[in-house]
Amino acid sequence: MGIDKVIILPGNGDGDVQECNWYAWLAVGLRERFGRSVHVVLRNMPDPEVARRGVWLPFIKDRLGANERTLVIGHSSGAVAAMRLAEEMPLYGIILVGACHTDLGDANERASNYYPRGSENEWNWESQVANTNFISVFASASDPFLPIEEQRHVGERLCKKVDGGAAYIEYPKEAQKGHWCAQEAPELLEHAIKMVEKGLVPPGP
């Protein structure tokens, strides 16, 4: 089954997504490239400061309409939400930007309920891979919040379906990508276009 929707999930604390980071820039780029062939969704999220799993995942499913024909592009908390979403349902694919797998000792992140606590709430990496055609990870060694080891761990667990286009893309410190908070992200747009093009179903006769 092909792709007909892209959902862009922001990080927590980002306020109006139309004014923050590269989100709106990416949405415009995808809309200009694909027109009506692909519905690009970028919405302000409920509970934007904590991004609780119990609030975000139902919103993504029920209000944003995620399904097996959806590519989810998630940044920071949005990336972690995309990972948990892929554990629960089939998606066309996910692109993770600035993803981690622990709360790194941060109380606000712990309250979101995405991360393991001892032997509870563990990640189901196998389900994420099985429920998607591909998973790609954009990582930054200059990220001030996420150690590169956290990001590499996610890539090692999830970037399995290379034939489907999965890729682990790591930028060195000199690239100064930080936590991916620039107003534009050309590399991300290029990769997203490539993956959407792979998933487009040719029109019938």
Protein backbone atom coordinates (compact mmCIF):
# COMPACT_ATOMS: atom_id res chain seq x y z
CA MET A 1 0.00 0.00 0.00
CA GLY A 2 1.33 3.43 -0.93
CA ILE A 3 1.48 6.79 0.78
CA ASP A 4 -1.05 9.61 0.70
CA LYS A 5 -0.30 11.58 3.88
CA VAL A 6 2.64 13.10 5.73
CA ILE A 7 2.27 14.12 9.39
CA ILE A 8 4.91 16.41 10.91
CA LEU A 9 5.17 16.07 14.70
CA PRO A 10 6.96 18.88 16.60
CA GLY A 11 8.98 18.70 19.76
CA ASN A 12 7.49 19.64 23.12
CA GLY A 13 7.49 23.27 24.22
CA ASP A 14 7.47 24.54 20.64
CA GLY A 15 4.30 26.67 20.84
CA ASP A 16 2.87 27.64 17.45
CA VAL A 17 4.28 25.07 15.05
CA GLN A 18 3.81 27.43 12.11
CA GLU A 19 6.44 29.74 13.61
CA CYS A 20 8.87 27.23 15.08
CA ASN A 21 11.96 25.55 13.67
CA TRP A 22 11.72 24.03 10.18
CA TYR A 23 8.24 22.57 10.52
CA ALA A 24 6.27 24.97 8.31
CA TRP A 25 9.18 25.27 5.88
CA LEU A 26 9.18 21.50 5.41
CA ALA A 27 5.41 21.38 5.03
CA VAL A 28 5.52 24.05 2.32
CA GLY A 29 8.32 22.23 0.49
CA LEU A 30 6.41 18.95 0.47
CA ARG A 31 3.17 20.61 -0.63
CA GLU A 32 4.93 22.39 -3.46
CA ARG A 33 6.51 19.14 -4.62
CA PHE A 34 3.51 16.82 -4.37
CA GLY A 35 0.45 19.07 -4.60
CA ARG A 36 -2.78 17.19 -3.98
CA SER A 37 -1.15 13.77 -4.30
CA VAL A 38 -0.08 13.88 -0.66
CA HIS A 39 -1.87 15.56 2.24
CA VAL A 40 0.69 17.25 4.48
CA VAL A 41 -0.49 17.74 8.08
CA LEU A 42 1.10 20.18 10.53
CA ARG A 43 -0.99 21.08 13.55
CA ASN A 44 -0.48 22.55 17.00
CA MET A 45 -0.48 19.68 19.45
CA PRO A 46 -2.42 19.39 22.71
CA ASP A 47 -0.40 19.30 25.93
CA PRO A 48 2.53 20.99 24.13
CA GLU A 49 4.79 21.37 27.17
CA VAL A 50 4.87 17.75 28.36
CA ALA A 51 3.65 15.96 25.22
CA ARG A 52 2.12 13.13 27.24
CA ARG A 53 1.87 9.83 25.43
CA GLY A 54 -1.72 9.38 26.58
CA VAL A 55 -2.67 12.69 24.95
CA TRP A 56 -0.52 12.77 21.84
CA LEU A 57 -0.99 9.25 20.48
CA PRO A 58 -4.82 9.34 20.50
CA PHE A 59 -4.67 12.82 18.90
CA ILE A 60 -2.35 11.58 16.15
CA LYS A 61 -4.56 8.60 15.45
CA ASP A 62 -8.02 10.13 15.80
CA ARG A 63 -7.57 13.79 14.89
CA LEU A 64 -4.62 13.73 12.50
CA GLY A 65 -5.72 10.46 10.92
CA ALA A 66 -2.50 8.46 10.95
CA ASN A 67 -2.79 5.11 9.19
CA GLU A 68 -0.85 2.60 7.10
CA ARG A 69 -0.55 5.13 4.25
CA THR A 70 1.07 7.80 6.45
CA LEU A 71 4.68 8.93 6.66
CA VAL A 72 5.34 10.46 10.09
CA ILE A 73 8.22 12.92 10.46
CA GLY A 74 8.93 13.54 14.14
CA HIS A 75 11.33 15.93 15.84
CA SER A 76 12.54 15.45 19.43
CA SER A 77 9.45 14.53 21.49
CA GLY A 78 7.63 14.16 18.18
CA ALA A 79 10.21 11.57 17.14
CA VAL A 80 9.69 9.61 20.35
CA ALA A 81 5.91 9.81 19.85
CA ALA A 82 6.36 8.45 16.31
CA MET A 83 8.34 5.53 17.70
CA ARG A 84 5.63 4.62 20.20
CA LEU A 85 2.96 5.11 17.52
CA ALA A 86 4.75 2.60 15.28
CA GLU A 87 4.64 0.07 18.10
CA GLU A 88 0.85 0.25 18.10
CA MET A 89 -0.15 0.48 14.44
CA PRO A 90 1.07 0.12 10.85
CA LEU A 91 2.49 3.26 9.23
CA TYR A 92 4.02 3.76 5.81
CA GLY A 93 7.25 4.90 7.46
CA ILE A 94 8.80 7.25 10.00
CA ILE A 95 11.64 9.75 9.85
CA LEU A 96 13.10 10.55 13.26
CA VAL A 97 14.97 13.80 13.86
CA GLY A 98 16.75 14.17 17.19
CA ALA A 99 15.44 10.94 18.76
CA CYS A 100 16.44 9.32 22.05
CA HIS A 101 15.40 6.22 24.00
CA THR A 102 15.68 7.30 27.68
CA ASP A 103 14.42 10.32 29.62
CA LEU A 104 18.05 11.29 30.38
CA GLY A 105 17.06 12.09 33.96
CA ASP A 106 14.73 14.93 32.95
CA ALA A 107 11.53 15.09 35.04
CA ASN A 108 9.45 16.64 32.26
CA GLU A 109 10.48 13.91 29.81
CA ARG A 110 9.78 11.26 32.43
CA ALA A 111 6.27 12.64 32.88
CA SER A 112 5.55 12.14 29.18
CA ASN A 113 5.48 8.36 29.78
CA TYR A 114 7.30 7.45 26.57
CA TYR A 115 10.41 6.06 28.21
CA PRO A 116 11.18 2.81 30.02
CA ARG A 117 11.19 2.74 33.82
CA GLY A 118 13.25 -0.19 34.98
CA SER A 119 11.67 -3.27 33.43
CA GLU A 120 8.39 -1.46 32.68
CA ASN A 121 7.35 0.41 29.55
CA GLU A 122 10.21 -1.09 27.55
CA TRP A 123 10.68 -0.32 23.87
CA ASN A 124 9.34 -2.82 21.36
CA TRP A 125 11.88 -2.25 18.61
CA GLU A 126 10.74 -5.27 16.64
CA SER A 127 7.16 -4.00 16.34
CA GLN A 128 8.34 -0.59 15.15
CA VAL A 129 10.35 -2.19 12.36
CA ALA A 130 7.61 -4.69 11.47
CA ASN A 131 4.89 -2.02 11.31
CA THR A 132 6.76 0.23 8.85
CA ASN A 133 8.27 -0.03 5.38
CA PHE A 134 11.27 1.94 6.59
CA ILE A 135 12.58 4.00 9.50
CA SER A 136 15.23 6.70 9.04
CA VAL A 137 17.10 8.55 11.77
CA PHE A 138 18.74 11.99 11.54
CA ALA A 139 21.33 12.35 14.31
CA SER A 140 23.60 15.22 15.35
CA ALA A 141 26.85 14.93 17.28
CA SER A 142 26.52 18.61 18.26
CA ASP A 143 23.10 18.16 19.87
CA PRO A 144 23.30 19.92 23.26
CA PHE A 145 20.49 17.83 24.74
CA LEU A 146 20.97 14.32 23.36
CA PRO A 147 24.26 12.43 23.63
CA ILE A 148 25.18 10.93 20.29
CA GLU A 149 25.18 7.48 21.92
CA GLU A 150 21.43 7.85 22.55
CA GLN A 151 20.81 8.68 18.92
CA ARG A 152 23.03 5.89 17.63
CA HIS A 153 21.21 3.39 19.83
CA VAL A 154 17.92 4.32 18.17
CA GLY A 155 19.47 4.04 14.72
CA GLU A 156 21.00 0.65 15.47
CA ARG A 157 17.66 -0.72 16.62
CA LEU A 158 15.44 0.73 13.91
CA CYS A 159 17.28 1.41 10.63
CA LYS A 160 16.92 -2.19 9.47
CA LYS A 161 15.04 -2.10 6.15
CA VAL A 162 17.77 -0.70 3.94
CA ASP A 163 16.05 -2.06 0.82
CA GLY A 164 13.02 0.02 1.77
CA GLY A 165 15.11 3.17 2.03
CA ALA A 166 15.94 3.16 5.75
CA ALA A 167 18.95 5.29 6.61
CA TYR A 168 20.90 6.37 9.66
CA ILE A 169 22.27 9.84 8.89
CA GLU A 170 24.70 11.26 11.43
CA TYR A 171 26.16 14.76 11.22
CA PRO A 172 29.49 15.47 12.95
CA LYS A 173 30.01 18.27 15.43
CA GLU A 174 31.50 20.49 12.73
CA ALA A 175 28.17 20.48 10.87
CA GLN A 176 26.60 22.35 13.81
CA LYS A 177 23.13 20.84 13.41
CA GLY A 178 22.54 21.06 17.16
CA HIS A 179 19.07 19.88 18.14
CA TRP A 180 17.73 20.55 14.64
CA CYS A 181 16.16 23.92 15.50
CA ALA A 182 17.07 25.84 12.32
CA GLN A 183 14.38 27.46 10.19
CA GLU A 184 15.25 25.23 7.23
CA ALA A 185 16.40 21.62 6.89
CA PRO A 186 17.31 20.96 3.25
CA GLU A 187 18.75 17.49 3.91
CA LEU A 188 15.55 16.43 5.64
CA LEU A 189 13.38 17.75 2.82
CA GLU A 190 15.48 15.93 0.25
CA HIS A 191 15.20 12.63 2.13
CA ALA A 192 11.47 13.07 2.77
CA ILE A 193 10.82 13.74 -0.93
CA LYS A 194 12.80 10.63 -1.84
CA MET A 195 10.80 8.46 0.54
CA VAL A 196 7.42 9.89 -0.50
CA GLU A 197 8.29 9.31 -4.16
CA LYS A 198 9.05 5.67 -3.37
CA GLY A 199 5.62 5.31 -1.83
CA LEU A 200 3.45 7.07 -4.37
CA VAL A 201 1.05 4.75 -6.17
CA PRO A 202 0.94 5.49 -9.93
CA PRO A 203 -2.51 6.63 -11.06
CA GLY A 204 -4.65 4.07 -12.77
CA PRO A 205 -5.46 4.13 -16.50
